[in-house]
């Protein structure tokens, strides 16, 4: 998994492994487990993508 680095750095180091995300027709992003293909989480707080998770094409 990605690490947060030093305290006060305010950035993530590396990508989140074995995860990907895609955009739903409603405009929200949904996170998917790369090993099983199951959807894990939907970001409903806003329509911005998850941080540090690769996007599917």
PDB file of N, CA and C in Angstrom:
ATOM      1  N   UNK A   1       0.842  -1.180   0.000  1.00  0.00           N
ATOM      2  CA  UNK A   1       0.000   0.000   0.000  1.00  0.00           C
ATOM      3  C   UNK A   1       0.883   1.238   0.000  1.00  0.00           C
ATOM      4  N   UNK A   2       0.272   2.360  -0.282  1.00  0.00           N
ATOM      5  CA  UNK A   2       1.001   3.612  -0.283  1.00  0.00           C
ATOM      6  C   UNK A   2       1.261   4.057   1.151  1.00  0.00           C
ATOM      7  N   UNK A   3       2.329   4.783   1.324  1.00  0.00           N
ATOM      8  CA  UNK A   3       2.647   5.305   2.646  1.00  0.00           C
ATOM      9  C   UNK A   3       2.461   6.808   2.638  1.00  0.00           C
ATOM     10  N   UNK A   4       2.276   7.375   3.801  1.00  0.00           N
ATOM     11  CA  UNK A   4       2.054   8.809   3.900  1.00  0.00           C
ATOM     12  C   UNK A   4       3.335   9.593   4.108  1.00  0.00           C
ATOM     13  N   UNK A   5       4.449   8.943   4.364  1.00  0.00           N
ATOM     14  CA  UNK A   5       5.714   9.644   4.502  1.00  0.00           C
ATOM     15  C   UNK A   5       5.862  10.327   5.839  1.00  0.00           C
ATOM     16  N   UNK A   6       6.635  11.405   5.853  1.00  0.00           N
ATOM     17  CA  UNK A   6       6.922  12.127   7.087  1.00  0.00           C
ATOM     18  C   UNK A   6       5.707  12.936   7.537  1.00  0.00           C
ATOM     19  N   UNK A   7       5.612  13.165   8.809  1.00  0.00           N
ATOM     20  CA  UNK A   7       4.528  13.994   9.344  1.00  0.00           C
ATOM     21  C   UNK A   7       4.697  15.428   8.849  1.00  0.00           C
ATOM     22  N   UNK A   8       3.605  16.026   8.417  1.00  0.00           N
ATOM     23  CA  UNK A   8       3.647  17.390   7.914  1.00  0.00           C
ATOM     24  C   UNK A   8       4.041  17.498   6.461  1.00  0.00           C
ATOM     25  N   UNK A   9       4.271  16.360   5.798  1.00  0.00           N
ATOM     26  CA  UNK A   9       4.681  16.355   4.400  1.00  0.00           C
ATOM     27  C   UNK A   9       3.493  16.644   3.474  1.00  0.00           C
ATOM     28  N   UNK A  10       2.290  16.253   3.897  1.00  0.00           N
ATOM     29  CA  UNK A  10       1.042  16.490   3.173  1.00  0.00           C
ATOM     30  C   UNK A  10       1.023  15.891   1.778  1.00  0.00           C
ATOM     31  N   UNK A  11       1.640  14.732   1.587  1.00  0.00           N
ATOM     32  CA  UNK A  11       1.542  14.034   0.307  1.00  0.00           C
ATOM     33  C   UNK A  11       1.725  12.552   0.518  1.00  0.00           C
ATOM     34  N   UNK A  12       1.268  11.789  -0.446  1.00  0.00           N
ATOM     35  CA  UNK A  12       1.344  10.333  -0.405  1.00  0.00           C
ATOM     36  C   UNK A  12       2.533   9.895  -1.255  1.00  0.00           C
ATOM     37  N   UNK A  13       3.275   8.908  -0.762  1.00  0.00           N
ATOM     38  CA  UNK A  13       4.436   8.387  -1.482  1.00  0.00           C
ATOM     39  C   UNK A  13       4.056   7.069  -2.134  1.00  0.00           C
ATOM     40  N   UNK A  14       4.089   7.009  -3.441  1.00  0.00           N
ATOM     41  CA  UNK A  14       3.778   5.785  -4.163  1.00  0.00           C
ATOM     42  C   UNK A  14       2.301   5.637  -4.439  1.00  0.00           C
ATOM     43  N   UNK A  15       1.986   4.691  -5.294  1.00  0.00           N
ATOM     44  CA  UNK A  15       0.595   4.430  -5.661  1.00  0.00           C
ATOM     45  C   UNK A  15       0.017   3.343  -4.775  1.00  0.00           C
ATOM     46  N   UNK A  16      -1.301   3.313  -4.654  1.00  0.00           N
ATOM     47  CA  UNK A  16      -1.989   2.266  -3.925  1.00  0.00           C
ATOM     48  C   UNK A  16      -1.978   1.030  -4.816  1.00  0.00           C
ATOM     49  N   UNK A  17      -1.360  -0.056  -4.352  1.00  0.00           N
ATOM     50  CA  UNK A  17      -1.206  -1.249  -5.185  1.00  0.00           C
ATOM     51  C   UNK A  17      -2.464  -2.099  -5.141  1.00  0.00           C
ATOM     52  N   UNK A  18      -2.693  -2.837  -6.187  1.00  0.00           N
ATOM     53  CA  UNK A  18      -3.816  -3.766  -6.376  1.00  0.00           C
ATOM     54  C   UNK A  18      -5.171  -3.089  -6.241  1.00  0.00           C
ATOM     55  N   UNK A  19      -5.252  -1.829  -6.645  1.00  0.00           N
ATOM     56  CA  UNK A  19      -6.515  -1.100  -6.662  1.00  0.00           C
ATOM     57  C   UNK A  19      -6.597  -0.312  -7.959  1.00  0.00           C
ATOM     58  N   UNK A  20      -7.801  -0.093  -8.441  1.00  0.00           N
ATOM     59  CA  UNK A  20      -8.025   0.792  -9.572  1.00  0.00           C
ATOM     60  C   UNK A  20      -9.360   1.476  -9.351  1.00  0.00           C
ATOM     61  N   UNK A  21      -9.616   2.518 -10.123  1.00  0.00           N
ATOM     62  CA  UNK A  21     -10.879   3.230  -9.985  1.00  0.00           C
ATOM     63  C   UNK A  21     -11.438   3.564 -11.350  1.00  0.00           C
ATOM     64  N   UNK A  22     -12.740   3.672 -11.402  1.00  0.00           N
ATOM     65  CA  UNK A  22     -13.429   4.031 -12.630  1.00  0.00           C
ATOM     66  C   UNK A  22     -14.573   4.966 -12.289  1.00  0.00           C
ATOM     67  N   UNK A  23     -15.036   5.696 -13.276  1.00  0.00           N
ATOM     68  CA  UNK A  23     -16.108   6.666 -13.077  1.00  0.00           C
ATOM     69  C   UNK A  23     -17.445   6.018 -13.424  1.00  0.00           C
ATOM     70  N   UNK A  24     -18.437   6.217 -12.576  1.00  0.00           N
ATOM     71  CA  UNK A  24     -19.774   5.678 -12.818  1.00  0.00           C
ATOM     72  C   UNK A  24     -20.551   6.644 -13.715  1.00  0.00           C
ATOM     73  N   UNK A  25     -21.659   6.211 -14.295  1.00  0.00           N
ATOM     74  CA  UNK A  25     -22.461   7.120 -15.124  1.00  0.00           C
ATOM     75  C   UNK A  25     -22.985   8.334 -14.356  1.00  0.00           C
ATOM     76  N   UNK A  26     -23.125   8.216 -13.036  1.00  0.00           N
ATOM     77  CA  UNK A  26     -23.595   9.356 -12.239  1.00  0.00           C
ATOM     78  C   UNK A  26     -22.482  10.362 -11.959  1.00  0.00           C
ATOM     79  N   UNK A  27     -21.235  10.018 -12.299  1.00  0.00           N
ATOM     80  CA  UNK A  27     -20.117  10.930 -12.115  1.00  0.00           C
ATOM     81  C   UNK A  27     -19.282  10.650 -10.886  1.00  0.00           C
ATOM     82  N   UNK A  28     -19.688   9.707 -10.040  1.00  0.00           N
ATOM     83  CA  UNK A  28     -18.923   9.346  -8.857  1.00  0.00           C
ATOM     84  C   UNK A  28     -17.849   8.335  -9.236  1.00  0.00           C
ATOM     85  N   UNK A  29     -16.806   8.253  -8.405  1.00  0.00           N
ATOM     86  CA  UNK A  29     -15.737   7.287  -8.635  1.00  0.00           C
ATOM     87  C   UNK A  29     -15.941   6.078  -7.740  1.00  0.00           C
ATOM     88  N   UNK A  30     -15.653   4.900  -8.287  1.00  0.00           N
ATOM     89  CA  UNK A  30     -15.783   3.652  -7.535  1.00  0.00           C
ATOM     90  C   UNK A  30     -14.434   2.941  -7.576  1.00  0.00           C
ATOM     91  N   UNK A  31     -14.014   2.425  -6.416  1.00  0.00           N
ATOM     92  CA  UNK A  31     -12.724   1.758  -6.281  1.00  0.00           C
ATOM     93  C   UNK A  31     -12.921   0.255  -6.449  1.00  0.00           C
ATOM     94  N   UNK A  32     -12.011  -0.385  -7.207  1.00  0.00           N
ATOM     95  CA  UNK A  32     -12.116  -1.809  -7.511  1.00  0.00           C
ATOM     96  C   UNK A  32     -10.855  -2.541  -7.066  1.00  0.00           C
ATOM     97  N   UNK A  33     -11.033  -3.744  -6.517  1.00  0.00           N
ATOM     98  CA  UNK A  33      -9.910  -4.605  -6.149  1.00  0.00           C
ATOM     99  C   UNK A  33      -9.401  -5.282  -7.416  1.00  0.00           C
ATOM    100  N   UNK A  34      -8.107  -5.176  -7.696  1.00  0.00           N
ATOM    101  CA  UNK A  34      -7.550  -5.711  -8.932  1.00  0.00           C
ATOM    102  C   UNK A  34      -7.488  -7.233  -8.926  1.00  0.00           C
ATOM    103  N   UNK A  35      -7.388  -7.849  -7.761  1.00  0.00           N
ATOM    104  CA  UNK A  35      -7.264  -9.306  -7.699  1.00  0.00           C
ATOM    105  C   UNK A  35      -8.599  -9.999  -7.939  1.00  0.00           C
ATOM    106  N   UNK A  36      -9.663  -9.526  -7.298  1.00  0.00           N
ATOM    107  CA  UNK A  36     -10.967 -10.181  -7.416  1.00  0.00           C
ATOM    108  C   UNK A  36     -11.895  -9.482  -8.408  1.00  0.00           C
ATOM    109  N   UNK A  37     -11.652  -8.218  -8.698  1.00  0.00           N
ATOM    110  CA  UNK A  37     -12.514  -7.465  -9.598  1.00  0.00           C
ATOM    111  C   UNK A  37     -13.756  -6.893  -8.924  1.00  0.00           C
ATOM    112  N   UNK A  38     -13.869  -7.089  -7.628  1.00  0.00           N
ATOM    113  CA  UNK A  38     -15.047  -6.600  -6.909  1.00  0.00           C
ATOM    114  C   UNK A  38     -14.925  -5.110  -6.612  1.00  0.00           C
ATOM    115  N   UNK A  39     -16.069  -4.432  -6.615  1.00  0.00           N
ATOM    116  CA  UNK A  39     -16.094  -3.034  -6.232  1.00  0.00           C
ATOM    117  C   UNK A  39     -15.986  -2.938  -4.716  1.00  0.00           C
ATOM    118  N   UNK A  40     -15.187  -2.007  -4.240  1.00  0.00           N
ATOM    119  CA  UNK A  40     -14.918  -1.890  -2.814  1.00  0.00           C
ATOM    120  C   UNK A  40     -15.616  -0.701  -2.180  1.00  0.00           C
ATOM    121  N   UNK A  41     -15.560   0.460  -2.842  1.00  0.00           N
ATOM    122  CA  UNK A  41     -16.020   1.681  -2.212  1.00  0.00           C
ATOM    123  C   UNK A  41     -16.439   2.668  -3.292  1.00  0.00           C
ATOM    124  N   UNK A  42     -17.449   3.476  -2.990  1.00  0.00           N
ATOM    125  CA  UNK A  42     -17.878   4.553  -3.878  1.00  0.00           C
ATOM    126  C   UNK A  42     -17.664   5.858  -3.149  1.00  0.00           C
ATOM    127  N   UNK A  43     -17.049   6.813  -3.824  1.00  0.00           N
ATOM    128  CA  UNK A  43     -16.803   8.111  -3.207  1.00  0.00           C
ATOM    129  C   UNK A  43     -18.011   8.997  -3.468  1.00  0.00           C
ATOM    130  N   UNK A  44     -18.816   9.204  -2.435  1.00  0.00           N
ATOM    131  CA  UNK A  44     -20.046   9.981  -2.589  1.00  0.00           C
ATOM    132  C   UNK A  44     -19.928  11.380  -1.998  1.00  0.00           C
ATOM    133  N   UNK A  45     -18.838  11.671  -1.276  1.00  0.00           N
ATOM    134  CA  UNK A  45     -18.711  12.983  -0.654  1.00  0.00           C
ATOM    135  C   UNK A  45     -18.541  14.080  -1.704  1.00  0.00           C
ATOM    136  N   UNK A  46     -17.817  13.786  -2.767  1.00  0.00           N
ATOM    137  CA  UNK A  46     -17.692  14.701  -3.894  1.00  0.00           C
ATOM    138  C   UNK A  46     -17.367  13.883  -5.133  1.00  0.00           C
ATOM    139  N   UNK A  47     -17.282  14.530  -6.260  1.00  0.00           N
ATOM    140  CA  UNK A  47     -17.062  13.797  -7.513  1.00  0.00           C
ATOM    141  C   UNK A  47     -15.610  13.851  -7.968  1.00  0.00           C
ATOM    142  N   UNK A  48     -14.693  13.994  -7.018  1.00  0.00           N
ATOM    143  CA  UNK A  48     -13.264  13.958  -7.308  1.00  0.00           C
ATOM    144  C   UNK A  48     -12.775  12.520  -7.167  1.00  0.00           C
ATOM    145  N   UNK A  49     -11.726  12.118  -7.904  1.00  0.00           N
ATOM    146  CA  UNK A  49     -11.232  10.741  -7.802  1.00  0.00           C
ATOM    147  C   UNK A  49     -10.523  10.481  -6.476  1.00  0.00           C
ATOM    148  N   UNK A  50     -10.373   9.186  -6.142  1.00  0.00           N
ATOM    149  CA  UNK A  50      -9.606   8.788  -4.974  1.00  0.00           C
ATOM    150  C   UNK A  50      -8.150   9.189  -5.180  1.00  0.00           C
ATOM    151  N   UNK A  51      -7.467   9.578  -4.108  1.00  0.00           N
ATOM    152  CA  UNK A  51      -6.076   9.980  -4.214  1.00  0.00           C
ATOM    153  C   UNK A  51      -5.166   8.757  -4.255  1.00  0.00           C
ATOM    154  N   UNK A  52      -4.236   8.726  -5.192  1.00  0.00           N
ATOM    155  CA  UNK A  52      -3.222   7.678  -5.238  1.00  0.00           C
ATOM    156  C   UNK A  52      -3.669   6.372  -5.828  1.00  0.00           C
ATOM    157  N   UNK A  53      -4.888   6.289  -6.375  1.00  0.00           N
ATOM    158  CA  UNK A  53      -5.399   5.048  -6.963  1.00  0.00           C
ATOM    159  C   UNK A  53      -5.416   5.222  -8.485  1.00  0.00           C
ATOM    160  N   UNK A  54      -4.859   4.245  -9.200  1.00  0.00           N
ATOM    161  CA  UNK A  54      -4.789   4.358 -10.669  1.00  0.00           C
ATOM    162  C   UNK A  54      -6.177   4.314 -11.293  1.00  0.00           C
ATOM    163  N   UNK A  55      -6.311   4.982 -12.426  1.00  0.00           N
ATOM    164  CA  UNK A  55      -7.589   5.037 -13.128  1.00  0.00           C
ATOM    165  C   UNK A  55      -7.628   3.995 -14.227  1.00  0.00           C
ATOM    166  N   UNK A  56      -8.782   3.391 -14.448  1.00  0.00           N
ATOM    167  CA  UNK A  56      -8.985   2.442 -15.545  1.00  0.00           C
ATOM    168  C   UNK A  56      -9.319   3.220 -16.810  1.00  0.00           C
ATOM    169  N   UNK A  57      -8.976   2.648 -17.942  1.00  0.00           N
ATOM    170  CA  UNK A  57      -9.300   3.297 -19.214  1.00  0.00           C
ATOM    171  C   UNK A  57     -10.526   2.681 -19.822  1.00  0.00           C
TER     172      UNK A  57
END
